[in-house]
Full PDB file with SEQRES, HELIX, SHEET, SSBOND, CRYST1, ORIGX, SCALE, CONECT and MASTER records, all heavy atoms in Angstrom:
SEQRES   1 A   43  THR GLY ALA ALA GLY PHE ILE GLY ALA ALA VAL ALA GLU          
SEQRES   2 A   43  ARG LEU LEU GLN ARG GLY GLU ARG ILE LEU GLY VAL ASP          
SEQRES   3 A   43  ASN LEU ASN ARG TYR TYR ASP PRO ALA LEU LYS ARG ALA          
SEQRES   4 A   43  ARG LEU ALA LEU                                              
HELIX    1 AA1 PHE A    6  GLN A   17  1                                  12    
HELIX    2 AA2 PRO A   34  ALA A   42  1                                   9    
CRYST1    1.000    1.000    1.000  90.00  90.00  90.00 P 1           1          
ORIGX1      1.000000  0.000000  0.000000        0.00000                         
ORIGX2      0.000000  1.000000  0.000000        0.00000                         
ORIGX3      0.000000  0.000000  1.000000        0.00000                         
SCALE1      1.000000  0.000000  0.000000        0.00000                         
SCALE2      0.000000  1.000000  0.000000        0.00000                         
SCALE3      0.000000  0.000000  1.000000        0.00000                         
ATOM      1  N   THR A   1     -22.958 101.754 121.475  1.00  0.00           N  
ATOM      2  CA  THR A   1     -23.239 103.005 120.941  1.00  0.00           C  
ATOM      3  C   THR A   1     -22.854 103.143 119.497  1.00  0.00           C  
ATOM      4  O   THR A   1     -21.938 102.254 119.121  1.00  0.00           O  
ATOM      5  CB  THR A   1     -22.471 104.141 121.673  1.00  0.00           C  
ATOM      6  OG1 THR A   1     -20.995 104.081 121.580  1.00  0.00           O  
ATOM      7  CG2 THR A   1     -22.714 104.129 123.200  1.00  0.00           C  
ATOM      8  N   GLY A   2     -23.383 103.986 118.748  1.00  0.00           N  
ATOM      9  CA  GLY A   2     -23.056 103.986 117.144  1.00  0.00           C  
ATOM     10  C   GLY A   2     -23.582 102.699 116.649  1.00  0.00           C  
ATOM     11  O   GLY A   2     -23.126 102.122 115.646  1.00  0.00           O  
ATOM     12  N   ALA A   3     -24.829 102.168 117.073  1.00  0.00           N  
ATOM     13  CA  ALA A   3     -25.405 100.817 116.799  1.00  0.00           C  
ATOM     14  C   ALA A   3     -25.792 100.846 115.329  1.00  0.00           C  
ATOM     15  O   ALA A   3     -26.020  99.709 114.683  1.00  0.00           O  
ATOM     16  CB  ALA A   3     -26.526 100.367 117.716  1.00  0.00           C  
ATOM     17  N   ALA A   4     -26.013 102.033 114.645  1.00  0.00           N  
ATOM     18  CA  ALA A   4     -26.434 102.113 113.249  1.00  0.00           C  
ATOM     19  C   ALA A   4     -25.347 102.262 112.341  1.00  0.00           C  
ATOM     20  O   ALA A   4     -25.500 102.304 111.051  1.00  0.00           O  
ATOM     21  CB  ALA A   4     -27.525 103.255 113.081  1.00  0.00           C  
ATOM     22  N   GLY A   5     -24.062 102.385 112.966  1.00  0.00           N  
ATOM     23  CA  GLY A   5     -22.958 102.580 112.250  1.00  0.00           C  
ATOM     24  C   GLY A   5     -22.393 101.307 111.529  1.00  0.00           C  
ATOM     25  O   GLY A   5     -22.948 100.117 111.891  1.00  0.00           O  
ATOM     26  N   PHE A   6     -21.329 101.394 110.712  1.00  0.00           N  
ATOM     27  CA  PHE A   6     -20.767 100.148 110.033  1.00  0.00           C  
ATOM     28  C   PHE A   6     -20.391  99.169 111.004  1.00  0.00           C  
ATOM     29  O   PHE A   6     -20.819  97.929 111.038  1.00  0.00           O  
ATOM     30  CB  PHE A   6     -19.597 100.765 109.118  1.00  0.00           C  
ATOM     31  CG  PHE A   6     -18.780  99.728 108.470  1.00  0.00           C  
ATOM     32  CD1 PHE A   6     -19.534  98.369 108.135  1.00  0.00           C  
ATOM     33  CD2 PHE A   6     -17.491  99.961 108.141  1.00  0.00           C  
ATOM     34  CE1 PHE A   6     -18.726  97.611 107.379  1.00  0.00           C  
ATOM     35  CE2 PHE A   6     -16.846  99.047 107.390  1.00  0.00           C  
ATOM     36  CZ  PHE A   6     -17.363  97.850 107.101  1.00  0.00           C  
ATOM     37  N   ILE A   7     -19.437  99.568 112.001  1.00  0.00           N  
ATOM     38  CA  ILE A   7     -18.898  98.688 112.921  1.00  0.00           C  
ATOM     39  C   ILE A   7     -19.935  98.258 113.954  1.00  0.00           C  
ATOM     40  O   ILE A   7     -20.012  97.157 114.320  1.00  0.00           O  
ATOM     41  CB  ILE A   7     -17.682  99.177 113.593  1.00  0.00           C  
ATOM     42  CG1 ILE A   7     -16.547  99.341 112.431  1.00  0.00           C  
ATOM     43  CG2 ILE A   7     -17.065  98.048 114.613  1.00  0.00           C  
ATOM     44  CD1 ILE A   7     -15.287 100.080 112.878  1.00  0.00           C  
ATOM     45  N   GLY A   8     -20.640  99.352 114.423  1.00  0.00           N  
ATOM     46  CA  GLY A   8     -21.582  99.123 115.591  1.00  0.00           C  
ATOM     47  C   GLY A   8     -22.626  98.182 115.241  1.00  0.00           C  
ATOM     48  O   GLY A   8     -23.053  97.132 115.992  1.00  0.00           O  
ATOM     49  N   ALA A   9     -23.225  98.194 113.981  1.00  0.00           N  
ATOM     50  CA  ALA A   9     -24.261  97.303 113.676  1.00  0.00           C  
ATOM     51  C   ALA A   9     -23.778  95.801 113.582  1.00  0.00           C  
ATOM     52  O   ALA A   9     -24.399  94.853 114.005  1.00  0.00           O  
ATOM     53  CB  ALA A   9     -24.943  97.683 112.236  1.00  0.00           C  
ATOM     54  N   ALA A  10     -22.553  95.706 113.018  1.00  0.00           N  
ATOM     55  CA  ALA A  10     -21.961  94.361 112.940  1.00  0.00           C  
ATOM     56  C   ALA A  10     -21.593  93.695 114.268  1.00  0.00           C  
ATOM     57  O   ALA A  10     -21.782  92.465 114.390  1.00  0.00           O  
ATOM     58  CB  ALA A  10     -20.635  94.512 112.076  1.00  0.00           C  
ATOM     59  N   VAL A  11     -21.103  94.465 115.164  1.00  0.00           N  
ATOM     60  CA  VAL A  11     -20.961  94.027 116.378  1.00  0.00           C  
ATOM     61  C   VAL A  11     -22.076  93.616 117.156  1.00  0.00           C  
ATOM     62  O   VAL A  11     -22.255  92.553 117.836  1.00  0.00           O  
ATOM     63  CB  VAL A  11     -20.099  95.112 117.413  1.00  0.00           C  
ATOM     64  CG1 VAL A  11     -20.090  94.831 118.877  1.00  0.00           C  
ATOM     65  CG2 VAL A  11     -18.821  95.316 116.849  1.00  0.00           C  
ATOM     66  N   ALA A  12     -23.205  94.404 117.089  1.00  0.00           N  
ATOM     67  CA  ALA A  12     -24.462  94.163 117.740  1.00  0.00           C  
ATOM     68  C   ALA A  12     -25.053  92.927 117.132  1.00  0.00           C  
ATOM     69  O   ALA A  12     -25.584  92.053 117.918  1.00  0.00           O  
ATOM     70  CB  ALA A  12     -25.511  95.298 117.423  1.00  0.00           C  
ATOM     71  N   GLU A  13     -24.916  92.727 115.848  1.00  0.00           N  
ATOM     72  CA  GLU A  13     -25.461  91.355 115.376  1.00  0.00           C  
ATOM     73  C   GLU A  13     -24.774  90.242 115.926  1.00  0.00           C  
ATOM     74  O   GLU A  13     -25.304  89.115 116.067  1.00  0.00           O  
ATOM     75  CB  GLU A  13     -25.315  91.432 113.773  1.00  0.00           C  
ATOM     76  CG  GLU A  13     -25.919  90.278 113.107  1.00  0.00           C  
ATOM     77  CD  GLU A  13     -25.931  90.399 111.564  1.00  0.00           C  
ATOM     78  OE1 GLU A  13     -25.082  91.082 111.075  1.00  0.00           O  
ATOM     79  OE2 GLU A  13     -26.739  89.694 110.923  1.00  0.00           O  
ATOM     80  N   ARG A  14     -23.373  90.288 115.900  1.00  0.00           N  
ATOM     81  CA  ARG A  14     -22.735  89.155 116.393  1.00  0.00           C  
ATOM     82  C   ARG A  14     -22.978  88.887 117.830  1.00  0.00           C  
ATOM     83  O   ARG A  14     -23.115  87.597 118.252  1.00  0.00           O  
ATOM     84  CB  ARG A  14     -21.133  89.328 116.350  1.00  0.00           C  
ATOM     85  CG  ARG A  14     -20.601  89.028 114.868  1.00  0.00           C  
ATOM     86  CD  ARG A  14     -20.429  87.735 114.632  1.00  0.00           C  
ATOM     87  NE  ARG A  14     -19.493  87.008 115.444  1.00  0.00           N  
ATOM     88  CZ  ARG A  14     -18.223  87.127 115.472  1.00  0.00           C  
ATOM     89  NH1 ARG A  14     -17.670  87.752 114.400  1.00  0.00           N  
ATOM     90  NH2 ARG A  14     -17.534  86.512 116.265  1.00  0.00           N  
ATOM     91  N   LEU A  15     -23.218  89.819 118.646  1.00  0.00           N  
ATOM     92  CA  LEU A  15     -23.506  89.760 120.108  1.00  0.00           C  
ATOM     93  C   LEU A  15     -25.006  89.066 120.243  1.00  0.00           C  
ATOM     94  O   LEU A  15     -25.287  88.195 121.064  1.00  0.00           O  
ATOM     95  CB  LEU A  15     -23.326  91.033 120.813  1.00  0.00           C  
ATOM     96  CG  LEU A  15     -22.065  91.537 121.080  1.00  0.00           C  
ATOM     97  CD1 LEU A  15     -22.055  92.954 121.602  1.00  0.00           C  
ATOM     98  CD2 LEU A  15     -21.226  90.666 121.963  1.00  0.00           C  
ATOM     99  N   LEU A  16     -25.775  89.582 119.361  1.00  0.00           N  
ATOM    100  CA  LEU A  16     -27.216  88.996 119.392  1.00  0.00           C  
ATOM    101  C   LEU A  16     -27.185  87.525 119.010  1.00  0.00           C  
ATOM    102  O   LEU A  16     -27.891  86.639 119.576  1.00  0.00           O  
ATOM    103  CB  LEU A  16     -28.091  89.731 118.361  1.00  0.00           C  
ATOM    104  CG  LEU A  16     -28.531  91.090 118.916  1.00  0.00           C  
ATOM    105  CD1 LEU A  16     -29.146  91.857 117.768  1.00  0.00           C  
ATOM    106  CD2 LEU A  16     -29.440  91.020 120.040  1.00  0.00           C  
ATOM    107  N   GLN A  17     -26.372  87.124 118.075  1.00  0.00           N  
ATOM    108  CA  GLN A  17     -26.181  85.699 117.554  1.00  0.00           C  
ATOM    109  C   GLN A  17     -26.019  84.804 118.800  1.00  0.00           C  
ATOM    110  O   GLN A  17     -26.214  83.613 118.808  1.00  0.00           O  
ATOM    111  CB  GLN A  17     -25.179  85.604 116.381  1.00  0.00           C  
ATOM    112  CG  GLN A  17     -25.741  86.156 115.148  1.00  0.00           C  
ATOM    113  CD  GLN A  17     -24.635  86.209 114.048  1.00  0.00           C  
ATOM    114  OE1 GLN A  17     -23.394  85.840 114.429  1.00  0.00           O  
ATOM    115  NE2 GLN A  17     -25.120  86.594 112.831  1.00  0.00           N  
ATOM    116  N   ARG A  18     -25.125  85.289 119.738  1.00  0.00           N  
ATOM    117  CA  ARG A  18     -24.654  84.448 120.858  1.00  0.00           C  
ATOM    118  C   ARG A  18     -25.713  84.635 122.074  1.00  0.00           C  
ATOM    119  O   ARG A  18     -25.232  84.086 123.124  1.00  0.00           O  
ATOM    120  CB  ARG A  18     -23.261  84.709 121.151  1.00  0.00           C  
ATOM    121  CG  ARG A  18     -22.930  85.915 121.918  1.00  0.00           C  
ATOM    122  CD  ARG A  18     -21.449  85.948 122.327  1.00  0.00           C  
ATOM    123  NE  ARG A  18     -21.133  86.955 123.268  1.00  0.00           N  
ATOM    124  CZ  ARG A  18     -19.977  87.287 123.753  1.00  0.00           C  
ATOM    125  NH1 ARG A  18     -18.826  86.587 123.225  1.00  0.00           N  
ATOM    126  NH2 ARG A  18     -19.753  88.035 124.740  1.00  0.00           N  
ATOM    127  N   GLY A  19     -26.767  85.300 121.888  1.00  0.00           N  
ATOM    128  CA  GLY A  19     -27.673  85.227 122.857  1.00  0.00           C  
ATOM    129  C   GLY A  19     -27.772  86.480 123.785  1.00  0.00           C  
ATOM    130  O   GLY A  19     -28.422  86.351 124.845  1.00  0.00           O  
ATOM    131  N   GLU A  20     -26.925  87.410 123.635  1.00  0.00           N  
ATOM    132  CA  GLU A  20     -26.804  88.490 124.479  1.00  0.00           C  
ATOM    133  C   GLU A  20     -28.044  89.527 124.192  1.00  0.00           C  
ATOM    134  O   GLU A  20     -28.726  89.604 123.358  1.00  0.00           O  
ATOM    135  CB  GLU A  20     -25.579  89.461 124.246  1.00  0.00           C  
ATOM    136  CG  GLU A  20     -24.224  88.695 124.258  1.00  0.00           C  
ATOM    137  CD  GLU A  20     -23.831  88.483 125.602  1.00  0.00           C  
ATOM    138  OE1 GLU A  20     -24.510  88.870 126.611  1.00  0.00           O  
ATOM    139  OE2 GLU A  20     -22.801  87.943 125.754  1.00  0.00           O  
ATOM    140  N   ARG A  21     -28.350  90.339 125.408  1.00  0.00           N  
ATOM    141  CA  ARG A  21     -29.363  91.408 125.344  1.00  0.00           C  
ATOM    142  C   ARG A  21     -28.508  92.615 124.911  1.00  0.00           C  
ATOM    143  O   ARG A  21     -27.376  92.970 125.510  1.00  0.00           O  
ATOM    144  CB  ARG A  21     -29.959  91.641 126.621  1.00  0.00           C  
ATOM    145  CG  ARG A  21     -30.895  90.542 127.061  1.00  0.00           C  
ATOM    146  CD  ARG A  21     -31.632  91.101 128.511  1.00  0.00           C  
ATOM    147  NE  ARG A  21     -32.177  92.378 128.399  1.00  0.00           N  
ATOM    148  CZ  ARG A  21     -32.137  93.244 129.365  1.00  0.00           C  
ATOM    149  NH1 ARG A  21     -31.518  92.892 130.562  1.00  0.00           N  
ATOM    150  NH2 ARG A  21     -32.747  94.379 129.298  1.00  0.00           N  
ATOM    151  N   ILE A  22     -28.948  93.373 123.928  1.00  0.00           N  
ATOM    152  CA  ILE A  22     -28.261  94.491 123.382  1.00  0.00           C  
ATOM    153  C   ILE A  22     -29.038  95.789 123.401  1.00  0.00           C  
ATOM    154  O   ILE A  22     -30.222  95.715 122.816  1.00  0.00           O  
ATOM    155  CB  ILE A  22     -27.766  94.283 121.923  1.00  0.00           C  
ATOM    156  CG1 ILE A  22     -26.905  92.913 121.840  1.00  0.00           C  
ATOM    157  CG2 ILE A  22     -27.033  95.494 121.353  1.00  0.00           C  
ATOM    158  CD1 ILE A  22     -25.656  93.030 122.681  1.00  0.00           C  
ATOM    159  N   LEU A  23     -28.635  96.764 123.933  1.00  0.00           N  
ATOM    160  CA  LEU A  23     -29.252  98.025 123.834  1.00  0.00           C  
ATOM    161  C   LEU A  23     -28.371  98.958 122.875  1.00  0.00           C  
ATOM    162  O   LEU A  23     -27.247  99.236 123.197  1.00  0.00           O  
ATOM    163  CB  LEU A  23     -29.236  98.744 125.244  1.00  0.00           C  
ATOM    164  CG  LEU A  23     -29.689 100.237 125.278  1.00  0.00           C  
ATOM    165  CD1 LEU A  23     -31.138 100.394 124.857  1.00  0.00           C  
ATOM    166  CD2 LEU A  23     -29.455 100.857 126.643  1.00  0.00           C  
ATOM    167  N   GLY A  24     -28.877  99.211 121.779  1.00  0.00           N  
ATOM    168  CA  GLY A  24     -28.349  99.964 120.614  1.00  0.00           C  
ATOM    169  C   GLY A  24     -28.687 101.466 120.840  1.00  0.00           C  
ATOM    170  O   GLY A  24     -29.803 101.752 120.965  1.00  0.00           O  
ATOM    171  N   VAL A  25     -27.706 102.241 120.696  1.00  0.00           N  
ATOM    172  CA  VAL A  25     -27.952 103.823 120.824  1.00  0.00           C  
ATOM    173  C   VAL A  25     -27.243 104.398 119.493  1.00  0.00           C  
ATOM    174  O   VAL A  25     -26.078 104.104 119.121  1.00  0.00           O  
ATOM    175  CB  VAL A  25     -27.381 104.429 122.116  1.00  0.00           C  
ATOM    176  CG1 VAL A  25     -27.463 105.802 122.042  1.00  0.00           C  
ATOM    177  CG2 VAL A  25     -28.080 103.862 123.196  1.00  0.00           C  
ATOM    178  N   ASP A  26     -27.924 105.271 118.835  1.00  0.00           N  
ATOM    179  CA  ASP A  26     -27.461 106.042 117.675  1.00  0.00           C  
ATOM    180  C   ASP A  26     -28.184 107.308 117.574  1.00  0.00           C  
ATOM    181  O   ASP A  26     -29.414 107.181 117.738  1.00  0.00           O  
ATOM    182  CB  ASP A  26     -27.557 105.179 116.520  1.00  0.00           C  
ATOM    183  CG  ASP A  26     -26.359 105.682 115.387  1.00  0.00           C  
ATOM    184  OD1 ASP A  26     -26.567 106.767 114.887  1.00  0.00           O  
ATOM    185  OD2 ASP A  26     -25.504 104.965 115.122  1.00  0.00           O  
ATOM    186  N   ASN A  27     -27.686 108.405 117.059  1.00  0.00           N  
ATOM    187  CA  ASN A  27     -28.509 109.551 116.767  1.00  0.00           C  
ATOM    188  C   ASN A  27     -28.852 109.710 115.267  1.00  0.00           C  
ATOM    189  O   ASN A  27     -29.582 110.701 115.055  1.00  0.00           O  
ATOM    190  CB  ASN A  27     -27.673 110.855 117.194  1.00  0.00           C  
ATOM    191  CG  ASN A  27     -26.465 111.072 116.416  1.00  0.00           C  
ATOM    192  OD1 ASN A  27     -25.985 110.236 115.514  1.00  0.00           O  
ATOM    193  ND2 ASN A  27     -25.821 112.182 116.706  1.00  0.00           N  
ATOM    194  N   LEU A  28     -28.392 108.772 114.484  1.00  0.00           N  
ATOM    195  CA  LEU A  28     -28.731 108.825 113.081  1.00  0.00           C  
ATOM    196  C   LEU A  28     -28.481 110.137 112.311  1.00  0.00           C  
ATOM    197  O   LEU A  28     -29.314 110.545 111.601  1.00  0.00           O  
ATOM    198  CB  LEU A  28     -30.229 108.359 112.817  1.00  0.00           C  
ATOM    199  CG  LEU A  28     -30.640 106.891 113.410  1.00  0.00           C  
ATOM    200  CD1 LEU A  28     -32.174 106.804 113.185  1.00  0.00           C  
ATOM    201  CD2 LEU A  28     -29.843 105.897 112.615  1.00  0.00           C  
ATOM    202  N   ASN A  29     -27.377 110.661 112.513  1.00  0.00           N  
ATOM    203  CA  ASN A  29     -27.102 111.974 112.118  1.00  0.00           C  
ATOM    204  C   ASN A  29     -26.902 112.032 110.604  1.00  0.00           C  
ATOM    205  O   ASN A  29     -26.854 110.759 110.091  1.00  0.00           O  
ATOM    206  CB  ASN A  29     -25.804 112.590 112.826  1.00  0.00           C  
ATOM    207  CG  ASN A  29     -24.617 112.014 112.439  1.00  0.00           C  
ATOM    208  OD1 ASN A  29     -24.291 111.412 111.476  1.00  0.00           O  
ATOM    209  ND2 ASN A  29     -23.606 112.200 113.461  1.00  0.00           N  
ATOM    210  N   ARG A  30     -26.653 113.087 109.981  1.00  0.00           N  
ATOM    211  CA  ARG A  30     -26.711 113.133 108.609  1.00  0.00           C  
ATOM    212  C   ARG A  30     -25.325 113.267 108.005  1.00  0.00           C  
ATOM    213  O   ARG A  30     -25.088 113.749 106.921  1.00  0.00           O  
ATOM    214  CB  ARG A  30     -27.557 114.282 107.896  1.00  0.00           C  
ATOM    215  CG  ARG A  30     -29.070 114.053 108.452  1.00  0.00           C  
ATOM    216  CD  ARG A  30     -30.106 115.024 107.721  1.00  0.00           C  
ATOM    217  NE  ARG A  30     -29.915 114.798 106.294  1.00  0.00           N  
ATOM    218  CZ  ARG A  30     -30.682 113.871 105.581  1.00  0.00           C  
ATOM    219  NH1 ARG A  30     -31.465 113.139 106.225  1.00  0.00           N  
ATOM    220  NH2 ARG A  30     -30.593 113.720 104.360  1.00  0.00           N  
ATOM    221  N   TYR A  31     -24.233 112.955 108.724  1.00  0.00           N  
ATOM    222  CA  TYR A  31     -22.933 113.011 108.188  1.00  0.00           C  
ATOM    223  C   TYR A  31     -22.927 112.186 106.854  1.00  0.00           C  
ATOM    224  O   TYR A  31     -22.209 112.545 105.907  1.00  0.00           O  
ATOM    225  CB  TYR A  31     -21.922 112.364 109.168  1.00  0.00           C  
ATOM    226  CG  TYR A  31     -20.461 112.291 108.637  1.00  0.00           C  
ATOM    227  CD1 TYR A  31     -19.840 113.311 108.277  1.00  0.00           C  
ATOM    228  CD2 TYR A  31     -20.003 110.988 108.518  1.00  0.00           C  
ATOM    229  CE1 TYR A  31     -18.492 113.175 107.767  1.00  0.00           C  
ATOM    230  CE2 TYR A  31     -18.622 110.761 107.951  1.00  0.00           C  
ATOM    231  CZ  TYR A  31     -17.980 111.898 107.611  1.00  0.00           C  
ATOM    232  OH  TYR A  31     -16.681 111.849 107.116  1.00  0.00           O  
ATOM    233  N   TYR A  32     -23.583 111.117 106.745  1.00  0.00           N  
ATOM    234  CA  TYR A  32     -23.726 110.361 105.607  1.00  0.00           C  
ATOM    235  C   TYR A  32     -25.259 109.925 105.503  1.00  0.00           C  
ATOM    236  O   TYR A  32     -25.921 109.917 106.641  1.00  0.00           O  
ATOM    237  CB  TYR A  32     -22.851 109.268 105.146  1.00  0.00           C  
ATOM    238  CG  TYR A  32     -22.849 108.129 106.135  1.00  0.00           C  
ATOM    239  CD1 TYR A  32     -23.688 107.076 106.055  1.00  0.00           C  
ATOM    240  CD2 TYR A  32     -21.710 107.934 107.128  1.00  0.00           C  
ATOM    241  CE1 TYR A  32     -23.644 106.043 106.974  1.00  0.00           C  
ATOM    242  CE2 TYR A  32     -21.581 106.884 107.989  1.00  0.00           C  
ATOM    243  CZ  TYR A  32     -22.568 105.824 107.878  1.00  0.00           C  
ATOM    244  OH  TYR A  32     -22.585 104.865 108.802  1.00  0.00           O  
ATOM    245  N   ASP A  33     -25.679 109.543 104.501  1.00  0.00           N  
ATOM    246  CA  ASP A  33     -27.172 109.084 104.318  1.00  0.00           C  
ATOM    247  C   ASP A  33     -27.669 108.206 105.448  1.00  0.00           C  
ATOM    248  O   ASP A  33     -27.364 107.080 105.582  1.00  0.00           O  
ATOM    249  CB  ASP A  33     -27.276 108.385 102.875  1.00  0.00           C  
ATOM    250  CG  ASP A  33     -28.780 108.160 102.497  1.00  0.00           C  
ATOM    251  OD1 ASP A  33     -29.746 108.539 103.297  1.00  0.00           O  
ATOM    252  OD2 ASP A  33     -29.004 107.739 101.407  1.00  0.00           O  
ATOM    253  N   PRO A  34     -28.588 108.766 106.048  1.00  0.00           N  
ATOM    254  CA  PRO A  34     -29.322 107.953 107.257  1.00  0.00           C  
ATOM    255  C   PRO A  34     -29.990 106.728 106.628  1.00  0.00           C  
ATOM    256  O   PRO A  34     -30.275 105.822 107.531  1.00  0.00           O  
ATOM    257  CB  PRO A  34     -30.288 108.919 107.897  1.00  0.00           C  
ATOM    258  CG  PRO A  34     -29.745 110.254 107.620  1.00  0.00           C  
ATOM    259  CD  PRO A  34     -29.070 110.191 106.256  1.00  0.00           C  
ATOM    260  N   ALA A  35     -30.250 106.724 105.270  1.00  0.00           N  
ATOM    261  CA  ALA A  35     -30.932 105.590 104.818  1.00  0.00           C  
ATOM    262  C   ALA A  35     -30.150 104.260 105.042  1.00  0.00           C  
ATOM    263  O   ALA A  35     -30.572 103.202 105.253  1.00  0.00           O  
ATOM    264  CB  ALA A  35     -31.302 105.646 103.333  1.00  0.00           C  
ATOM    265  N   LEU A  36     -28.962 104.417 104.883  1.00  0.00           N  
ATOM    266  CA  LEU A  36     -27.915 103.307 105.058  1.00  0.00           C  
ATOM    267  C   LEU A  36     -28.006 102.854 106.506  1.00  0.00           C  
ATOM    268  O   LEU A  36     -27.912 101.739 106.766  1.00  0.00           O  
ATOM    269  CB  LEU A  36     -26.547 103.630 104.564  1.00  0.00           C  
ATOM    270  CG  LEU A  36     -25.436 102.484 104.705  1.00  0.00           C  
ATOM    271  CD1 LEU A  36     -25.850 101.383 103.987  1.00  0.00           C  
ATOM    272  CD2 LEU A  36     -24.149 102.965 104.274  1.00  0.00           C  
ATOM    273  N   LYS A  37     -27.957 103.891 107.332  1.00  0.00           N  
ATOM    274  CA  LYS A  37     -27.957 103.522 108.789  1.00  0.00           C  
ATOM    275  C   LYS A  37     -29.219 102.685 109.342  1.00  0.00           C  
ATOM    276  O   LYS A  37     -29.214 101.773 109.980  1.00  0.00           O  
ATOM    277  CB  LYS A  37     -27.919 104.721 109.739  1.00  0.00           C  
ATOM    278  CG  LYS A  37     -26.612 105.551 109.391  1.00  0.00           C  
ATOM    279  CD  LYS A  37     -26.422 106.777 110.202  1.00  0.00           C  
ATOM    280  CE  LYS A  37     -25.222 107.558 109.769  1.00  0.00           C  
ATOM    281  NZ  LYS A  37     -25.008 108.777 110.473  1.00  0.00           N  
ATOM    282  N   ARG A  38     -30.368 103.220 108.570  1.00  0.00           N  
ATOM    283  CA  ARG A  38     -31.613 102.547 108.851  1.00  0.00           C  
ATOM    284  C   ARG A  38     -31.775 101.195 108.357  1.00  0.00           C  
ATOM    285  O   ARG A  38     -32.400 100.236 108.858  1.00  0.00           O  
ATOM    286  CB  ARG A  38     -32.797 103.291 108.399  1.00  0.00           C  
ATOM    287  CG  ARG A  38     -32.978 104.790 109.149  1.00  0.00           C  
ATOM    288  CD  ARG A  38     -34.225 105.417 108.758  1.00  0.00           C  
ATOM    289  NE  ARG A  38     -34.367 106.732 109.368  1.00  0.00           N  
ATOM    290  CZ  ARG A  38     -34.107 107.913 108.795  1.00  0.00           C  
ATOM    291  NH1 ARG A  38     -33.696 107.960 107.575  1.00  0.00           N  
ATOM    292  NH2 ARG A  38     -34.079 109.035 109.449  1.00  0.00           N  
ATOM    293  N   ALA A  39     -31.072 100.989 107.145  1.00  0.00           N  
ATOM    294  CA  ALA A  39     -31.008  99.755 106.614  1.00  0.00           C  
ATOM    295  C   ALA A  39     -30.177  98.681 107.371  1.00  0.00           C  
ATOM    296  O   ALA A  39     -30.617  97.456 107.484  1.00  0.00           O  
ATOM    297  CB  ALA A  39     -30.384  99.834 105.035  1.00  0.00           C  
ATOM    298  N   ARG A  40     -29.249  99.155 107.997  1.00  0.00           N  
ATOM    299  CA  ARG A  40     -28.420  98.334 108.922  1.00  0.00           C  
ATOM    300  C   ARG A  40     -29.408  97.884 110.107  1.00  0.00           C  
ATOM    301  O   ARG A  40     -29.343  96.830 110.476  1.00  0.00           O  
ATOM    302  CB  ARG A  40     -27.127  98.968 109.384  1.00  0.00           C  
ATOM    303  CG  ARG A  40     -26.195  99.325 108.201  1.00  0.00           C  
ATOM    304  CD  ARG A  40     -24.862  99.872 109.014  1.00  0.00           C  
ATOM    305  NE  ARG A  40     -24.002 100.359 108.040  1.00  0.00           N  
ATOM    306  CZ  ARG A  40     -23.466 101.628 107.926  1.00  0.00           C  
ATOM    307  NH1 ARG A  40     -23.931 102.509 108.752  1.00  0.00           N  
ATOM    308  NH2 ARG A  40     -22.526 101.961 107.072  1.00  0.00           N  
ATOM    309  N   LEU A  41     -29.971  98.983 110.756  1.00  0.00           N  
ATOM    310  CA  LEU A  41     -30.817  98.648 111.798  1.00  0.00           C  
ATOM    311  C   LEU A  41     -31.939  97.688 111.470  1.00  0.00           C  
ATOM    312  O   LEU A  41     -32.387  96.870 112.251  1.00  0.00           O  
ATOM    313  CB  LEU A  41     -31.395  99.965 112.373  1.00  0.00           C  
ATOM    314  CG  LEU A  41     -30.450 100.965 112.971  1.00  0.00           C  
ATOM    315  CD1 LEU A  41     -31.221 102.214 113.315  1.00  0.00           C  
ATOM    316  CD2 LEU A  41     -29.934 100.293 114.292  1.00  0.00           C  
ATOM    317  N   ALA A  42     -32.403  97.791 110.284  1.00  0.00           N  
ATOM    318  CA  ALA A  42     -33.485  96.841 109.814  1.00  0.00           C  
ATOM    319  C   ALA A  42     -33.164  95.399 109.952  1.00  0.00           C  
ATOM    320  O   ALA A  42     -33.907  94.544 110.203  1.00  0.00           O  
ATOM    321  CB  ALA A  42     -33.970  97.082 108.288  1.00  0.00           C  
ATOM    322  N   LEU A  43     -31.804  95.110 109.781  1.00  0.00           N  
ATOM    323  CA  LEU A  43     -31.344  93.712 109.892  1.00  0.00           C  
ATOM    324  C   LEU A  43     -31.431  93.245 111.290  1.00  0.00           C  
ATOM    325  O   LEU A  43     -31.433  91.980 111.639  1.00  0.00           O  
ATOM    326  CB  LEU A  43     -29.870  93.605 109.378  1.00  0.00           C  
ATOM    327  CG  LEU A  43     -29.738  93.996 108.010  1.00  0.00           C  
ATOM    328  CD1 LEU A  43     -28.233  93.987 107.609  1.00  0.00           C  
ATOM    329  CD2 LEU A  43     -30.490  93.179 107.045  1.00  0.00           C  
TER     330      LEU A  43                                                      
MASTER        0    0    0    2    0    0    0    6  329    1    0    4          
END                                                                             
């Protein structure tokens, strides 16, 4: 959860690198610019 967030995206990436299946969930709220969240997801 929080997969588009700072820590969430980084954790998801590391888990994918070791071959895990990852289900990411995030609401992309506007507490700060969603463009940064989408840029993390794009990776």
